[in-house]
Every structure is written in structure tokens, then in C-alpha cells.
């Protein structure tokens, strides 16, 4: 029996998986802090609820799952930036504040880039559990991206490219 047979969790990670998991965790920790900043800056209730839900039920879960795999495999964890304190949007000067359409756009870009990264990691993985985990991450990001698209349309924040209307 070879080292790549049997339970995937007993198989070693290859260098590409290690680098991708570690880099993803570093980016995820940074994105969680970015979401804290965005939550502080948004004045729109629906967007604030969306960002909180995304942070708690998607990104934090990714962080915990990837962190667990790295720990189980003896890989040191990347540093995390410090949490940001909660502030009231009124306390942030207007010229220094992100506006709601900017927050929605930046969050959408992060979700898009996250889906691409998940696809890449699924493609390089030889451990089935890693590929399956990133498939779940991709699916969840796609669901949140769809919710964000609906918010953008409802609020009039969507800036579409030129439309081909005949």
C-alpha cells in the first residue's frame, strides 16, 4: 500500500497544497479585518447584515477549517492582523468613509477572487478532502456573491457594462 492510498487525512500534503492553504489562511485573516472595517463604514442596514453574515457564516468558518488542517499537519500559522474596534458610522468623517456602493463592489471583487482561488486549489489538490473542502468554499462564495448581486440591484448600486439591447 502506497502513501497516497486510504484515508486522505493520513496522506501528506504536497508543497503546492501547503503553500495554497497557508496563503489562503493569511488572506482570509486579512479579509476578516477588512469586513470589520466595512461593517463600521456602511450606513445601509441590508449591507451591514450581509457583511456580518458573510463574516460569521462563511469567512470565519473557512479560517477555522484551514487553520485546523495546517495545525494537524504541523505547519505554522500565518500572522493575523489585529481586530478593529466597532465604531459608529457617524463618527467617521464623510471624506474618510467608504460609501456603501464601494463596499459592495470591493466585497464582490473579493468573493470573485475567492472563487477563482478555490477553483485553483481544487485543481492542484491530490488529497480528496482538500479538494472537497474548497469545493464547499467555492459553492458558499457563489451563494454569497448571488446575494450581494441582489442587494446591488435592489439598491441601484450595480454599474453594468454596456448592454446589448435590440
N, C-alpha and C. Protein backbone atom coordinates (compact mmCIF):
# COMPACT_ATOMS: atom_id res chain seq x y z
N UNK A 1 0.85 -1.18 0.00
CA UNK A 1 0.00 0.00 0.00
C UNK A 1 0.90 1.24 0.00
N UNK A 2 0.64 2.21 -0.91
CA UNK A 2 1.43 3.43 -1.01
C UNK A 2 0.97 4.49 -0.02
N UNK A 3 1.72 5.57 0.04
CA UNK A 3 1.37 6.64 0.98
C UNK A 3 0.16 7.44 0.51
N UNK A 4 -0.28 7.26 -0.73
CA UNK A 4 -1.43 8.00 -1.24
C UNK A 4 -2.66 7.11 -1.37
N UNK A 5 -2.73 6.06 -0.58
CA UNK A 5 -3.89 5.17 -0.58
C UNK A 5 -4.58 5.25 0.77
N UNK A 6 -5.87 5.07 0.78
CA UNK A 6 -6.56 5.01 2.06
C UNK A 6 -7.20 6.32 2.44
N UNK A 7 -7.13 6.63 3.72
CA UNK A 7 -7.76 7.82 4.27
C UNK A 7 -6.98 9.07 3.83
N UNK A 8 -7.64 10.02 3.12
CA UNK A 8 -6.93 11.22 2.66
C UNK A 8 -6.28 12.02 3.79
N UNK A 9 -6.88 12.00 4.97
CA UNK A 9 -6.32 12.76 6.08
C UNK A 9 -5.00 12.19 6.57
N UNK A 10 -4.72 10.94 6.23
CA UNK A 10 -3.45 10.32 6.60
C UNK A 10 -2.38 10.55 5.54
N UNK A 11 -2.76 11.09 4.39
CA UNK A 11 -1.82 11.35 3.31
C UNK A 11 -1.09 12.68 3.58
N UNK A 12 0.16 12.77 3.17
CA UNK A 12 0.88 14.04 3.36
C UNK A 12 0.36 15.10 2.39
N UNK A 13 0.48 16.35 2.81
CA UNK A 13 0.18 17.47 1.91
C UNK A 13 1.39 17.69 1.01
N UNK A 14 1.17 18.02 -0.26
CA UNK A 14 2.31 18.37 -1.10
C UNK A 14 2.57 19.87 -0.98
N UNK A 15 3.72 20.31 -1.47
CA UNK A 15 4.13 21.70 -1.26
C UNK A 15 3.15 22.71 -1.82
N UNK A 16 2.51 22.40 -2.93
CA UNK A 16 1.51 23.31 -3.50
C UNK A 16 0.29 23.45 -2.61
N UNK A 17 -0.14 22.34 -2.02
CA UNK A 17 -1.27 22.40 -1.10
C UNK A 17 -0.90 23.21 0.14
N UNK A 18 0.28 22.96 0.67
CA UNK A 18 0.72 23.70 1.87
C UNK A 18 0.76 25.19 1.59
N UNK A 19 1.42 25.57 0.50
CA UNK A 19 1.52 26.99 0.16
C UNK A 19 0.13 27.60 -0.05
N UNK A 20 -0.74 26.90 -0.75
CA UNK A 20 -2.08 27.43 -1.04
C UNK A 20 -2.92 27.56 0.22
N UNK A 21 -2.87 26.55 1.08
CA UNK A 21 -3.61 26.61 2.34
C UNK A 21 -3.10 27.75 3.21
N UNK A 22 -1.78 27.87 3.34
CA UNK A 22 -1.18 28.90 4.18
C UNK A 22 -1.51 30.28 3.62
N UNK A 23 -1.34 30.48 2.31
CA UNK A 23 -1.63 31.77 1.68
C UNK A 23 -3.11 32.13 1.80
N UNK A 24 -3.97 31.13 1.60
CA UNK A 24 -5.41 31.38 1.73
C UNK A 24 -5.76 31.79 3.14
N UNK A 25 -5.15 31.14 4.13
CA UNK A 25 -5.42 31.50 5.52
C UNK A 25 -4.95 32.92 5.82
N UNK A 26 -3.78 33.29 5.33
CA UNK A 26 -3.28 34.65 5.52
C UNK A 26 -4.26 35.67 4.92
N UNK A 27 -4.70 35.42 3.69
CA UNK A 27 -5.65 36.33 3.03
C UNK A 27 -6.99 36.36 3.76
N UNK A 28 -7.43 35.21 4.25
CA UNK A 28 -8.71 35.13 4.95
C UNK A 28 -8.67 35.95 6.24
N UNK A 29 -7.58 35.85 6.96
CA UNK A 29 -7.44 36.64 8.20
C UNK A 29 -7.48 38.14 7.88
N UNK A 30 -6.85 38.53 6.80
CA UNK A 30 -6.89 39.93 6.38
C UNK A 30 -8.29 40.36 5.94
N UNK A 31 -8.99 39.49 5.23
CA UNK A 31 -10.33 39.82 4.76
C UNK A 31 -11.31 39.96 5.92
N UNK A 32 -11.12 39.15 6.97
CA UNK A 32 -11.99 39.29 8.14
C UNK A 32 -11.85 40.67 8.77
N UNK A 33 -10.64 41.19 8.83
CA UNK A 33 -10.42 42.54 9.37
C UNK A 33 -11.02 43.58 8.41
N UNK A 34 -10.86 43.35 7.12
CA UNK A 34 -11.46 44.26 6.12
C UNK A 34 -12.97 44.30 6.29
N UNK A 35 -13.58 43.15 6.54
CA UNK A 35 -15.03 43.11 6.75
C UNK A 35 -15.41 43.90 8.00
N UNK A 36 -14.58 43.85 9.04
CA UNK A 36 -14.85 44.66 10.23
C UNK A 36 -14.86 46.15 9.88
N UNK A 37 -13.91 46.57 9.07
CA UNK A 37 -13.84 47.97 8.64
C UNK A 37 -15.08 48.32 7.81
N UNK A 38 -15.43 47.44 6.88
CA UNK A 38 -16.60 47.69 6.04
C UNK A 38 -17.88 47.79 6.87
N UNK A 39 -18.02 46.93 7.86
CA UNK A 39 -19.21 46.97 8.73
C UNK A 39 -19.26 48.30 9.46
N UNK A 40 -18.11 48.79 9.91
CA UNK A 40 -18.06 50.10 10.57
C UNK A 40 -18.46 51.23 9.63
N UNK A 41 -18.11 51.11 8.36
CA UNK A 41 -18.31 52.21 7.41
C UNK A 41 -19.69 52.23 6.77
N UNK A 42 -20.36 51.09 6.70
CA UNK A 42 -21.63 51.08 5.98
C UNK A 42 -22.75 51.69 6.79
N UNK A 43 -23.59 52.44 6.10
CA UNK A 43 -24.77 53.01 6.72
C UNK A 43 -26.02 52.26 6.32
N UNK A 44 -25.90 51.35 5.35
CA UNK A 44 -27.06 50.60 4.85
C UNK A 44 -27.28 49.35 5.70
N UNK A 45 -28.50 49.23 6.23
CA UNK A 45 -28.82 48.11 7.12
C UNK A 45 -28.66 46.76 6.42
N UNK A 46 -29.18 46.63 5.20
CA UNK A 46 -29.12 45.35 4.49
C UNK A 46 -27.68 44.94 4.20
N UNK A 47 -26.87 45.90 3.81
CA UNK A 47 -25.46 45.60 3.53
C UNK A 47 -24.73 45.23 4.81
N UNK A 48 -25.02 45.90 5.90
CA UNK A 48 -24.39 45.60 7.19
C UNK A 48 -24.73 44.17 7.63
N UNK A 49 -26.00 43.78 7.48
CA UNK A 49 -26.43 42.43 7.83
C UNK A 49 -25.72 41.41 6.94
N UNK A 50 -25.65 41.70 5.64
CA UNK A 50 -24.98 40.80 4.71
C UNK A 50 -23.51 40.61 5.10
N UNK A 51 -22.82 41.71 5.37
CA UNK A 51 -21.40 41.64 5.71
C UNK A 51 -21.17 40.86 7.00
N UNK A 52 -22.03 41.06 7.99
CA UNK A 52 -21.91 40.31 9.24
C UNK A 52 -22.13 38.83 9.02
N UNK A 53 -23.13 38.49 8.22
CA UNK A 53 -23.43 37.09 7.91
C UNK A 53 -22.27 36.46 7.13
N UNK A 54 -21.76 37.18 6.14
CA UNK A 54 -20.62 36.69 5.36
C UNK A 54 -19.43 36.41 6.27
N UNK A 55 -19.16 37.34 7.16
CA UNK A 55 -18.02 37.19 8.07
C UNK A 55 -18.19 35.99 8.99
N UNK A 56 -19.35 35.89 9.62
CA UNK A 56 -19.56 34.84 10.62
C UNK A 56 -19.79 33.46 10.02
N UNK A 57 -20.56 33.37 8.96
CA UNK A 57 -21.01 32.07 8.46
C UNK A 57 -20.28 31.58 7.23
N UNK A 58 -19.35 32.35 6.73
CA UNK A 58 -18.59 31.91 5.57
C UNK A 58 -17.09 32.04 5.82
N UNK A 59 -16.62 33.27 5.97
CA UNK A 59 -15.18 33.51 6.02
C UNK A 59 -14.56 32.98 7.32
N UNK A 60 -15.22 33.17 8.46
CA UNK A 60 -14.70 32.66 9.72
C UNK A 60 -14.65 31.13 9.70
N UNK A 61 -15.65 30.49 9.10
CA UNK A 61 -15.63 29.03 9.01
C UNK A 61 -14.48 28.55 8.14
N UNK A 62 -14.23 29.24 7.03
CA UNK A 62 -13.08 28.89 6.19
C UNK A 62 -11.78 28.99 7.00
N UNK A 63 -11.66 30.10 7.72
CA UNK A 63 -10.46 30.32 8.54
C UNK A 63 -10.25 29.15 9.50
N UNK A 64 -11.30 28.75 10.20
CA UNK A 64 -11.20 27.69 11.19
C UNK A 64 -10.84 26.35 10.56
N UNK A 65 -11.46 26.03 9.42
CA UNK A 65 -11.21 24.75 8.77
C UNK A 65 -9.77 24.67 8.24
N UNK A 66 -9.31 25.72 7.59
CA UNK A 66 -7.95 25.71 7.04
C UNK A 66 -6.92 25.70 8.17
N UNK A 67 -7.19 26.48 9.21
CA UNK A 67 -6.29 26.51 10.36
C UNK A 67 -6.14 25.12 10.98
N UNK A 68 -7.24 24.41 11.09
CA UNK A 68 -7.22 23.05 11.67
C UNK A 68 -6.35 22.12 10.84
N UNK A 69 -6.48 22.17 9.51
CA UNK A 69 -5.68 21.30 8.65
C UNK A 69 -4.20 21.63 8.78
N UNK A 70 -3.88 22.91 8.78
CA UNK A 70 -2.47 23.28 8.90
C UNK A 70 -1.90 22.83 10.25
N UNK A 71 -2.66 23.02 11.32
CA UNK A 71 -2.20 22.59 12.65
C UNK A 71 -1.99 21.08 12.69
N UNK A 72 -2.96 20.33 12.15
CA UNK A 72 -2.85 18.87 12.15
C UNK A 72 -1.63 18.38 11.39
N UNK A 73 -1.18 19.18 10.44
CA UNK A 73 -0.03 18.79 9.61
C UNK A 73 1.26 19.46 10.05
N UNK A 74 1.24 20.12 11.21
CA UNK A 74 2.44 20.69 11.77
C UNK A 74 2.97 21.91 11.04
N UNK A 75 2.11 22.62 10.35
CA UNK A 75 2.52 23.82 9.62
C UNK A 75 2.23 25.04 10.49
N UNK A 76 3.22 25.91 10.65
CA UNK A 76 3.00 27.10 11.47
C UNK A 76 1.99 28.00 10.76
N UNK A 77 1.20 28.69 11.56
CA UNK A 77 0.11 29.51 11.03
C UNK A 77 0.61 30.91 10.68
N UNK A 78 -0.01 31.54 9.68
CA UNK A 78 0.37 32.91 9.34
C UNK A 78 -0.10 33.89 10.41
N UNK A 79 0.51 35.05 10.47
CA UNK A 79 0.06 36.05 11.45
C UNK A 79 -1.30 36.61 11.06
N UNK A 80 -2.00 37.11 12.06
CA UNK A 80 -3.30 37.74 11.83
C UNK A 80 -3.21 39.21 12.19
N UNK A 81 -3.80 40.07 11.37
CA UNK A 81 -3.82 41.48 11.76
C UNK A 81 -4.74 41.68 12.96
N UNK A 82 -4.54 42.75 13.71
CA UNK A 82 -5.39 42.97 14.89
C UNK A 82 -6.83 43.29 14.49
N UNK A 83 -7.77 42.86 15.33
CA UNK A 83 -9.18 43.20 15.11
C UNK A 83 -9.36 44.70 15.18
N UNK A 84 -10.36 45.19 14.50
CA UNK A 84 -10.67 46.61 14.52
C UNK A 84 -11.81 46.86 15.50
N UNK A 85 -11.75 47.95 16.23
CA UNK A 85 -12.83 48.24 17.17
C UNK A 85 -14.10 48.65 16.41
N UNK A 86 -15.22 48.41 17.05
CA UNK A 86 -16.50 48.85 16.49
C UNK A 86 -16.61 50.35 16.66
N UNK A 87 -17.03 51.04 15.62
CA UNK A 87 -17.28 52.47 15.69
C UNK A 87 -18.61 52.75 15.00
N UNK A 88 -19.18 53.88 15.29
CA UNK A 88 -20.41 54.29 14.63
C UNK A 88 -20.05 55.02 13.34
N UNK A 89 -20.82 54.74 12.31
CA UNK A 89 -20.54 55.33 11.01
C UNK A 89 -20.54 56.85 11.08
N UNK A 90 -21.33 57.42 11.98
CA UNK A 90 -21.39 58.88 12.12
C UNK A 90 -20.07 59.46 12.65
N UNK A 91 -19.28 58.64 13.31
CA UNK A 91 -18.01 59.09 13.88
C UNK A 91 -16.88 59.12 12.84
N UNK A 92 -17.13 58.59 11.66
CA UNK A 92 -16.12 58.57 10.60
C UNK A 92 -16.40 59.77 9.70
N UNK A 93 -15.42 60.66 9.51
CA UNK A 93 -15.65 61.82 8.63
C UNK A 93 -16.07 61.38 7.22
N UNK A 94 -16.97 62.11 6.62
CA UNK A 94 -17.52 61.74 5.32
C UNK A 94 -16.43 61.52 4.26
N UNK A 95 -15.42 62.36 4.25
CA UNK A 95 -14.36 62.22 3.26
C UNK A 95 -13.44 61.03 3.50
N UNK A 96 -13.48 60.46 4.68
CA UNK A 96 -12.62 59.33 5.02
C UNK A 96 -13.38 58.01 5.00
N UNK A 97 -14.65 58.07 4.70
CA UNK A 97 -15.51 56.90 4.81
C UNK A 97 -15.71 56.24 3.45
N UNK A 98 -15.67 54.90 3.44
CA UNK A 98 -16.09 54.17 2.26
C UNK A 98 -17.60 54.37 2.13
N UNK A 99 -18.09 54.53 0.91
CA UNK A 99 -19.54 54.59 0.78
C UNK A 99 -20.08 53.20 0.45
N UNK A 100 -21.36 53.03 0.61
CA UNK A 100 -21.97 51.70 0.50
C UNK A 100 -21.75 51.03 -0.86
N UNK A 101 -21.91 51.74 -1.99
CA UNK A 101 -21.62 51.07 -3.27
C UNK A 101 -20.17 50.62 -3.40
N UNK A 102 -19.23 51.39 -2.84
CA UNK A 102 -17.82 50.99 -2.87
C UNK A 102 -17.60 49.72 -2.05
N UNK A 103 -18.23 49.67 -0.89
CA UNK A 103 -18.11 48.49 -0.03
C UNK A 103 -18.66 47.26 -0.73
N UNK A 104 -19.81 47.42 -1.36
CA UNK A 104 -20.42 46.29 -2.07
C UNK A 104 -19.53 45.84 -3.23
N UNK A 105 -18.97 46.80 -3.95
CA UNK A 105 -18.10 46.47 -5.08
C UNK A 105 -16.82 45.76 -4.62
N UNK A 106 -16.19 46.28 -3.58
CA UNK A 106 -14.96 45.67 -3.07
C UNK A 106 -15.22 44.27 -2.51
N UNK A 107 -16.34 44.10 -1.84
CA UNK A 107 -16.71 42.78 -1.32
C UNK A 107 -16.97 41.81 -2.46
N UNK A 108 -17.63 42.29 -3.50
CA UNK A 108 -17.89 41.45 -4.67
C UNK A 108 -16.60 41.00 -5.34
N UNK A 109 -15.64 41.92 -5.44
CA UNK A 109 -14.35 41.56 -6.02
C UNK A 109 -13.64 40.50 -5.20
N UNK A 110 -13.73 40.64 -3.88
CA UNK A 110 -13.09 39.66 -3.00
C UNK A 110 -13.76 38.29 -3.14
N UNK A 111 -15.08 38.26 -3.26
CA UNK A 111 -15.79 36.99 -3.46
C UNK A 111 -15.41 36.37 -4.80
N UNK A 112 -15.32 37.19 -5.83
CA UNK A 112 -14.93 36.70 -7.15
C UNK A 112 -13.53 36.09 -7.11
N UNK A 113 -12.59 36.84 -6.55
CA UNK A 113 -11.21 36.34 -6.45
C UNK A 113 -11.15 35.08 -5.60
N UNK A 114 -11.98 35.01 -4.57
CA UNK A 114 -12.02 33.82 -3.72
C UNK A 114 -12.50 32.59 -4.47
N UNK A 115 -13.47 32.78 -5.36
CA UNK A 115 -13.95 31.64 -6.15
C UNK A 115 -12.87 31.14 -7.10
N UNK A 116 -12.12 32.06 -7.69
CA UNK A 116 -11.01 31.67 -8.58
C UNK A 116 -9.96 30.90 -7.79
N UNK A 117 -9.61 31.40 -6.60
CA UNK A 117 -8.62 30.72 -5.76
C UNK A 117 -9.10 29.32 -5.37
N UNK A 118 -10.37 29.21 -5.00
CA UNK A 118 -10.90 27.90 -4.63
C UNK A 118 -10.79 26.92 -5.80
N UNK A 119 -11.11 27.39 -7.00
CA UNK A 119 -11.01 26.53 -8.19
C UNK A 119 -9.57 26.08 -8.41
N UNK A 120 -8.63 27.00 -8.23
CA UNK A 120 -7.22 26.67 -8.40
C UNK A 120 -6.79 25.61 -7.39
N UNK A 121 -7.14 25.80 -6.13
CA UNK A 121 -6.72 24.85 -5.09
C UNK A 121 -7.38 23.49 -5.32
N UNK A 122 -8.63 23.48 -5.76
CA UNK A 122 -9.26 22.19 -6.09
C UNK A 122 -8.47 21.50 -7.19
N UNK A 123 -8.00 22.28 -8.17
CA UNK A 123 -7.29 21.70 -9.31
C UNK A 123 -5.92 21.14 -8.97
N UNK A 124 -5.24 21.73 -8.00
CA UNK A 124 -3.88 21.24 -7.67
C UNK A 124 -3.88 20.19 -6.58
N UNK A 125 -5.02 20.01 -5.91
CA UNK A 125 -5.06 19.10 -4.76
C UNK A 125 -5.03 17.65 -5.20
N UNK A 126 -4.24 16.87 -4.48
CA UNK A 126 -4.27 15.42 -4.68
C UNK A 126 -4.98 14.73 -3.52
N UNK A 127 -5.21 15.47 -2.45
CA UNK A 127 -5.99 14.95 -1.33
C UNK A 127 -7.45 15.29 -1.57
N UNK A 128 -8.28 14.26 -1.57
CA UNK A 128 -9.70 14.44 -1.86
C UNK A 128 -10.39 15.34 -0.83
N UNK A 129 -9.95 15.26 0.43
CA UNK A 129 -10.59 16.08 1.46
C UNK A 129 -10.32 17.57 1.24
N UNK A 130 -9.13 17.91 0.76
CA UNK A 130 -8.80 19.31 0.47
C UNK A 130 -9.64 19.80 -0.71
N UNK A 131 -9.69 19.02 -1.77
CA UNK A 131 -10.48 19.40 -2.94
C UNK A 131 -11.95 19.56 -2.58
N UNK A 132 -12.47 18.65 -1.78
CA UNK A 132 -13.89 18.72 -1.39
C UNK A 132 -14.15 19.95 -0.51
N UNK A 133 -13.23 20.25 0.39
CA UNK A 133 -13.39 21.41 1.26
C UNK A 133 -13.42 22.70 0.42
N UNK A 134 -12.53 22.80 -0.55
CA UNK A 134 -12.51 24.01 -1.38
C UNK A 134 -13.69 24.05 -2.35
N UNK A 135 -14.23 22.92 -2.70
CA UNK A 135 -15.47 22.90 -3.48
C UNK A 135 -16.61 23.50 -2.65
N UNK A 136 -16.65 23.15 -1.37
CA UNK A 136 -17.67 23.73 -0.47
C UNK A 136 -17.46 25.24 -0.31
N UNK A 137 -16.21 25.66 -0.16
CA UNK A 137 -15.91 27.09 -0.04
C UNK A 137 -16.38 27.83 -1.30
N UNK A 138 -16.10 27.24 -2.47
CA UNK A 138 -16.48 27.85 -3.74
C UNK A 138 -18.00 27.99 -3.83
N UNK A 139 -18.70 26.94 -3.48
CA UNK A 139 -20.16 26.97 -3.54
C UNK A 139 -20.73 28.03 -2.61
N UNK A 140 -20.18 28.12 -1.41
CA UNK A 140 -20.66 29.10 -0.45
C UNK A 140 -20.37 30.53 -0.92
N UNK A 141 -19.19 30.75 -1.48
CA UNK A 141 -18.86 32.08 -2.02
C UNK A 141 -19.80 32.44 -3.17
N UNK A 142 -20.13 31.47 -4.00
CA UNK A 142 -21.05 31.72 -5.12
C UNK A 142 -22.43 32.12 -4.60
N UNK A 143 -22.89 31.46 -3.54
CA UNK A 143 -24.18 31.81 -2.95
C UNK A 143 -24.16 33.22 -2.37
N UNK A 144 -23.09 33.59 -1.69
CA UNK A 144 -22.99 34.94 -1.13
C UNK A 144 -22.84 35.99 -2.24
N UNK A 145 -22.13 35.63 -3.31
CA UNK A 145 -21.99 36.56 -4.42
C UNK A 145 -23.35 36.84 -5.06
N UNK A 146 -24.17 35.82 -5.15
CA UNK A 146 -25.53 35.99 -5.69
C UNK A 146 -26.37 36.89 -4.79
N UNK A 147 -26.27 36.69 -3.48
CA UNK A 147 -26.99 37.57 -2.53
C UNK A 147 -26.54 39.02 -2.67
N UNK A 148 -25.23 39.21 -2.83
CA UNK A 148 -24.70 40.56 -2.98
C UNK A 148 -25.17 41.19 -4.28
N UNK A 149 -25.25 40.41 -5.34
CA UNK A 149 -25.77 40.91 -6.62
C UNK A 149 -27.21 41.40 -6.45
N UNK A 150 -28.01 40.65 -5.73
CA UNK A 150 -29.39 41.06 -5.48
C UNK A 150 -29.45 42.37 -4.70
N UNK A 151 -28.59 42.52 -3.69
CA UNK A 151 -28.54 43.77 -2.92
C UNK A 151 -28.14 44.92 -3.84
N UNK A 152 -27.11 44.70 -4.66
CA UNK A 152 -26.66 45.75 -5.59
C UNK A 152 -27.77 46.18 -6.53
N UNK A 153 -28.54 45.24 -7.03
CA UNK A 153 -29.64 45.59 -7.93
C UNK A 153 -30.75 46.33 -7.19
N UNK A 154 -31.11 45.85 -6.01
CA UNK A 154 -32.18 46.48 -5.24
C UNK A 154 -31.84 47.91 -4.85
N UNK A 155 -30.58 48.16 -4.52
CA UNK A 155 -30.15 49.48 -4.05
C UNK A 155 -29.78 50.42 -5.19
N UNK A 156 -29.72 49.90 -6.41
CA UNK A 156 -29.32 50.73 -7.55
C UNK A 156 -27.82 50.98 -7.60
N UNK A 157 -27.03 50.10 -6.99
CA UNK A 157 -25.59 50.27 -6.94
C UNK A 157 -24.87 49.56 -8.08
N UNK A 158 -25.57 48.70 -8.80
CA UNK A 158 -24.94 47.92 -9.87
C UNK A 158 -24.61 48.85 -11.04
N UNK A 159 -23.38 48.81 -11.48
CA UNK A 159 -22.96 49.56 -12.65
C UNK A 159 -22.69 48.53 -13.74
N UNK A 160 -23.68 48.30 -14.62
CA UNK A 160 -23.49 47.26 -15.64
C UNK A 160 -22.61 47.76 -16.77
N UNK A 161 -21.96 46.82 -17.46
CA UNK A 161 -21.24 47.21 -18.67
C UNK A 161 -22.28 47.58 -19.73
N UNK A 162 -21.84 48.10 -20.88
CA UNK A 162 -22.82 48.43 -21.93
C UNK A 162 -23.69 47.22 -22.24
N UNK A 163 -25.00 47.45 -22.28
CA UNK A 163 -25.94 46.36 -22.54
C UNK A 163 -26.30 46.32 -24.02
N UNK A 164 -26.45 45.13 -24.55
CA UNK A 164 -26.82 44.94 -25.96
C UNK A 164 -28.33 44.77 -26.02
N UNK A 165 -29.02 45.88 -26.19
CA UNK A 165 -30.49 45.85 -26.25
C UNK A 165 -30.90 46.05 -27.68
N UNK A 166 -31.62 45.07 -28.22
CA UNK A 166 -32.05 45.15 -29.63
C UNK A 166 -33.50 45.52 -29.72
